[in-house]
Protein backbone atom coordinates (compact mmCIF):
# COMPACT_ATOMS: atom_id res chain seq x y z
CA MET A 1 0.01 0.14 0.06
CA VAL A 2 1.04 3.64 -0.65
CA GLU A 3 0.25 6.54 1.31
CA MET A 4 -1.97 8.93 -0.26
CA GLU A 5 -2.71 12.82 0.38
CA VAL A 6 -5.97 14.55 -0.35
CA ILE A 7 -5.27 17.46 -2.79
CA ALA A 8 -8.51 18.80 -3.85
CA VAL A 9 -11.95 18.25 -4.95
CA ARG A 10 -12.44 20.00 -8.55
CA VAL A 11 -14.99 20.24 -11.34
CA ASP A 12 -14.48 17.99 -14.72
CA ILE A 13 -15.59 21.18 -17.17
CA PRO A 14 -17.13 19.30 -19.95
CA GLY A 15 -19.11 16.97 -17.76
CA ASN A 16 -19.45 19.01 -14.80
CA ALA A 17 -18.71 16.28 -12.63
CA PRO A 18 -16.71 16.15 -9.43
CA VAL A 19 -13.41 14.92 -9.20
CA LEU A 20 -11.17 13.95 -6.02
CA VAL A 21 -7.66 14.16 -6.68
CA LEU A 22 -5.36 12.05 -4.58
CA ARG A 23 -1.34 12.29 -4.41
CA GLU A 24 1.05 9.99 -3.84
CA VAL A 25 2.92 10.97 -0.70
CA ALA A 26 6.46 9.58 -1.31
CA GLY A 27 7.88 8.59 -4.67
CA ALA A 28 6.89 10.18 -7.99
CA GLY A 29 4.15 11.80 -6.71
CA ARG A 30 1.48 10.09 -8.86
CA LEU A 31 -2.10 11.43 -9.09
CA VAL A 32 -5.12 9.64 -8.86
CA PRO A 33 -8.46 11.04 -10.09
CA ILE A 34 -11.30 9.51 -9.10
CA PHE A 35 -14.94 10.73 -10.22
CA ILE A 36 -17.40 11.09 -7.21
CA GLY A 37 -20.65 12.48 -6.79
CA GLN A 38 -21.74 16.07 -5.60
CA ALA A 39 -23.11 15.12 -1.90
CA GLU A 40 -19.65 13.37 -1.40
CA ALA A 41 -17.67 16.38 -3.02
CA GLY A 42 -19.62 18.69 -0.64
CA ALA A 43 -18.61 16.44 2.18
CA ILE A 44 -14.93 16.06 1.39
CA GLY A 45 -14.85 19.87 0.70
CA PHE A 46 -16.19 20.55 4.18
CA ALA A 47 -13.76 18.66 5.70
CA LEU A 48 -10.78 20.04 3.90
CA ASP A 49 -12.11 23.46 4.89
CA GLY A 50 -12.77 22.47 8.59
CA VAL A 51 -16.51 23.69 8.45
CA VAL A 52 -18.75 22.83 11.09
CA THR A 53 -22.34 22.44 10.09
CA PRO A 54 -25.01 23.32 12.76
CA ARG A 55 -26.44 19.80 12.27
CA PRO A 56 -24.65 16.63 11.92
CA MET A 57 -23.98 15.79 7.81
CA THR A 58 -24.41 12.09 7.23
CA HIS A 59 -20.72 11.74 7.24
CA ASP A 60 -20.37 13.31 10.60
CA LEU A 61 -23.23 11.42 11.81
CA PHE A 62 -21.51 8.10 10.99
CA CYS A 63 -18.33 9.33 12.61
CA GLU A 64 -20.19 9.88 15.87
CA THR A 65 -21.82 6.31 15.24
CA ILE A 66 -18.55 4.42 14.89
CA GLU A 67 -17.16 6.45 18.04
CA HIS A 68 -20.07 5.89 20.16
CA LEU A 69 -19.95 2.20 19.55
CA GLY A 70 -16.32 2.41 20.89
CA ALA A 71 -14.46 1.94 17.37
CA SER A 72 -12.44 3.96 15.52
CA LEU A 73 -11.20 4.40 11.96
CA SER A 74 -7.56 3.80 11.81
CA ALA A 75 -7.02 3.95 7.77
CA VAL A 76 -8.79 3.83 4.38
CA GLU A 77 -7.54 2.01 1.61
CA ILE A 78 -8.35 2.24 -1.92
CA THR A 79 -8.25 -1.49 -2.82
CA ARG A 80 -8.71 -1.80 -6.61
CA VAL A 81 -9.94 -0.43 -9.66
CA GLU A 82 -12.62 -2.36 -12.00
CA GLN A 83 -13.74 -1.01 -15.18
CA SER A 84 -13.30 2.48 -14.14
CA THR A 85 -15.19 1.90 -10.92
CA PHE A 86 -12.75 2.25 -7.70
CA TYR A 87 -13.27 0.58 -4.58
CA ALA A 88 -12.12 1.06 -0.93
CA GLU A 89 -12.29 -0.43 2.49
CA LEU A 90 -12.69 1.48 6.06
CA ILE A 91 -10.19 -0.30 8.71
CA LEU A 92 -12.06 -0.08 11.83
CA LYS A 93 -10.55 -0.94 15.02
CA VAL A 94 -12.63 -1.81 18.12
CA GLY A 95 -9.97 -2.54 21.04
CA ASP A 96 -7.31 -4.94 19.38
CA VAL A 97 -9.89 -6.38 16.69
CA GLU A 98 -9.60 -4.97 13.31
CA SER A 99 -12.75 -5.09 11.15
CA ARG A 100 -12.75 -4.07 7.22
CA LEU A 101 -15.77 -2.30 5.49
CA SER A 102 -16.39 -2.13 1.88
CA ALA A 103 -17.10 1.42 0.94
CA ARG A 104 -16.80 3.93 -1.94
CA PRO A 105 -13.62 5.68 -2.11
CA SER A 106 -15.35 9.42 -1.97
CA ASP A 107 -17.21 8.07 1.24
CA ALA A 108 -14.11 6.43 2.89
CA VAL A 109 -11.95 9.62 2.14
CA ALA A 110 -14.57 11.90 3.59
CA LEU A 111 -14.45 9.63 6.65
CA ALA A 112 -10.60 9.65 6.95
CA LEU A 113 -10.44 13.53 6.61
CA ARG A 114 -12.75 13.51 9.83
CA PHE A 115 -10.79 10.89 11.68
CA HIS A 116 -7.67 12.53 10.41
CA CYS A 117 -6.26 8.98 9.62
CA PRO A 118 -4.20 8.04 6.68
CA VAL A 119 -5.55 7.05 3.06
CA TRP A 120 -3.44 4.32 1.23
CA ALA A 121 -4.00 2.90 -2.28
CA SER A 122 -2.72 -0.44 -3.81
CA GLU A 123 0.01 -0.22 -6.24
CA SER A 124 -2.21 -1.75 -8.64
CA VAL A 125 -4.35 1.19 -8.43
CA LEU A 126 -1.62 3.63 -8.86
CA ASP A 127 -0.45 1.54 -11.97
CA GLU A 128 -3.83 1.42 -13.57
CA ALA A 129 -4.97 5.05 -12.78
CA GLY A 130 -1.96 7.25 -11.50
CA LEU A 131 -0.93 9.99 -13.39
CA LEU A 132 2.67 11.34 -13.20
CA PRO A 133 2.97 15.11 -13.06
CA ASP A 134 5.33 16.90 -15.40
CA ASP A 135 8.88 16.67 -14.41
CA ASP A 136 9.35 20.51 -14.80
CA THR A 137 6.66 21.14 -12.37
CA ASP A 138 7.89 23.45 -9.59
CA ASP A 139 5.96 22.38 -6.52
CA ASN A 140 6.38 24.12 -3.19
CA GLY A 141 4.79 21.79 -1.29
CA ASP A 142 1.29 22.94 -1.03
CA GLY A 143 -0.04 21.25 -3.95
CA GLY A 144 -0.84 24.18 -6.00
CA ASP A 145 1.15 23.89 -9.29
CA VAL A 146 0.20 19.96 -9.10
CA VAL A 147 -3.63 21.17 -8.97
CA GLU A 148 -3.25 23.71 -11.58
CA GLU A 149 -1.53 20.96 -13.88
CA PHE A 150 -4.44 18.67 -12.60
CA ARG A 151 -7.11 21.22 -13.75
CA ALA A 152 -5.90 21.73 -17.23
CA PHE A 153 -5.85 17.73 -17.74
CA ILE A 154 -9.61 17.61 -16.22
CA ASP A 155 -10.77 19.94 -18.83
CA ASN A 156 -9.67 17.41 -21.46
CA VAL A 157 -10.74 14.14 -19.74
CA ASN A 158 -13.91 11.94 -19.85
CA PRO A 159 -14.61 9.30 -17.60
CA GLU A 160 -14.39 6.86 -20.42
CA ASP A 161 -10.38 7.63 -20.60
CA PHE A 162 -9.88 5.36 -17.53
CA ALA A 163 -11.71 2.15 -18.75
CA SER A 164 -9.40 -0.68 -19.30
């Protein structure tokens, strides 16, 4: 597994579809774009911006439920891509017992941001869906240059481009 960081949620201009952008923490800094739903994009955006709503949103409620049951979310793993569909697992812990729960990557990332836990991707996900940033990108560590480069990519990409 390779540790990933959440860079941003952007909108694919031609299709008006939200795209979650993950970046490999170490190594080549490969980017993984994942098309997601509007609601999940909002939930991820709220978490990235530290927005606290007056009433709990669905992901906040799920976090409260996990904690109420004495569990914690220790990690999220993006496990595979099949026909352009990404799959993820929540790694839940209750005491010393670890459980895995299948989830959509968008929901899993929304929860990971709230629990401040790591997001991992399998090497096969990076091999299939990872995009290398340009070698001449001058990235100062805030992801800005990579995000700008990715925006240019998103402007010209379609979901079908990721089909095997």
